[in-house]
Amino acid sequence: MQRLLGGAGPDGVVVLRYRPALMDTTLDAYLEELFVYSDKRGEGLGRELLEAAMDTARAAGCGRNRRAPIRSS
């Protein structure tokens, strides 16, 4: 599991989980959590966190990225 923090507060967080892929020898990355405080939304922080998560997963050798069902809080 890996956590990435964003903003000065931090104002947001993304949580990635890795697991072995079933169909090849790479890892799968699962985006378990993406959260930005409501007063910081609309400033692009969520997009920055998502892009950082994808870059981190690629650097870890992940072949596929998965995300959790979307929930709004």
Protein backbone atom coordinates (compact mmCIF):
# COMPACT_ATOMS: atom_id res chain seq x y z
CA MET A 1 0.00 0.00 0.00
CA GLN A 2 1.20 3.50 -0.77
CA ARG A 3 -0.16 6.89 0.29
CA LEU A 4 0.43 10.14 -1.56
CA LEU A 5 -0.41 13.46 0.10
CA GLY A 6 -1.24 16.69 -1.71
CA GLY A 7 -1.42 20.35 -0.78
CA ALA A 8 0.09 22.22 2.13
CA GLY A 9 -2.28 20.81 4.77
CA PRO A 10 -2.15 18.13 3.42
CA ASP A 11 -5.40 18.91 1.68
CA GLY A 12 -5.87 15.58 -0.08
CA VAL A 13 -4.76 11.98 -0.13
CA VAL A 14 -4.68 9.06 -2.54
CA VAL A 15 -4.17 5.43 -1.48
CA LEU A 16 -2.83 2.82 -3.90
CA ARG A 17 -2.73 -0.93 -3.34
CA TYR A 18 -0.64 -3.27 -5.41
CA ARG A 19 -1.32 -6.92 -6.17
CA PRO A 20 0.13 -9.51 -8.54
CA ALA A 21 -1.59 -9.59 -11.91
CA LEU A 22 -3.34 -12.82 -12.82
CA MET A 23 -2.64 -12.77 -16.56
CA ASP A 24 1.00 -11.63 -16.66
CA THR A 25 4.05 -11.01 -14.47
CA THR A 26 3.38 -7.35 -13.67
CA LEU A 27 1.59 -5.80 -10.72
CA ASP A 28 -1.89 -4.31 -10.83
CA ALA A 29 -2.43 -0.97 -9.09
CA TYR A 30 -5.77 -0.41 -7.36
CA LEU A 31 -6.79 3.16 -6.54
CA GLU A 32 -8.48 2.56 -3.23
CA GLU A 33 -9.02 6.11 -2.03
CA LEU A 34 -8.90 9.61 -3.49
CA PHE A 35 -9.99 12.38 -1.16
CA VAL A 36 -9.75 16.17 -1.27
CA TYR A 37 -11.22 18.38 1.46
CA SER A 38 -14.38 20.11 0.24
CA ASP A 39 -12.97 23.63 0.63
CA LYS A 40 -10.02 22.67 -1.63
CA ARG A 41 -12.07 21.04 -4.40
CA GLY A 42 -12.20 22.65 -7.83
CA GLU A 43 -8.54 23.75 -7.66
CA GLY A 44 -7.08 20.78 -9.56
CA LEU A 45 -5.63 18.99 -6.54
CA GLY A 46 -7.62 15.81 -7.21
CA ARG A 47 -6.34 15.68 -10.78
CA GLU A 48 -2.76 16.25 -9.56
CA LEU A 49 -3.12 13.43 -7.02
CA LEU A 50 -4.58 11.08 -9.64
CA GLU A 51 -1.78 11.86 -12.10
CA ALA A 52 0.83 11.35 -9.36
CA ALA A 53 -0.79 8.02 -8.45
CA MET A 54 -0.67 6.86 -12.07
CA ASP A 55 2.97 7.93 -12.40
CA THR A 56 3.82 6.13 -9.14
CA ALA A 57 2.05 2.94 -10.29
CA ARG A 58 3.88 2.99 -13.62
CA ALA A 59 7.21 3.51 -11.82
CA ALA A 60 6.39 0.47 -9.63
CA GLY A 61 6.04 -1.61 -12.80
CA CYS A 62 2.26 -1.88 -12.83
CA GLY A 63 0.74 -3.02 -16.08
CA ARG A 64 -2.85 -2.06 -15.29
CA ASN A 65 -4.53 0.50 -13.04
CA ARG A 66 -7.84 -0.10 -11.31
CA ARG A 67 -10.07 2.26 -9.36
CA ALA A 68 -12.67 1.75 -6.68
CA PRO A 69 -16.34 2.52 -7.38
CA ILE A 70 -16.93 6.27 -7.30
CA ARG A 71 -18.43 7.68 -4.11
CA SER A 72 -19.01 11.32 -3.36
CA SER A 73 -18.70 12.69 0.17
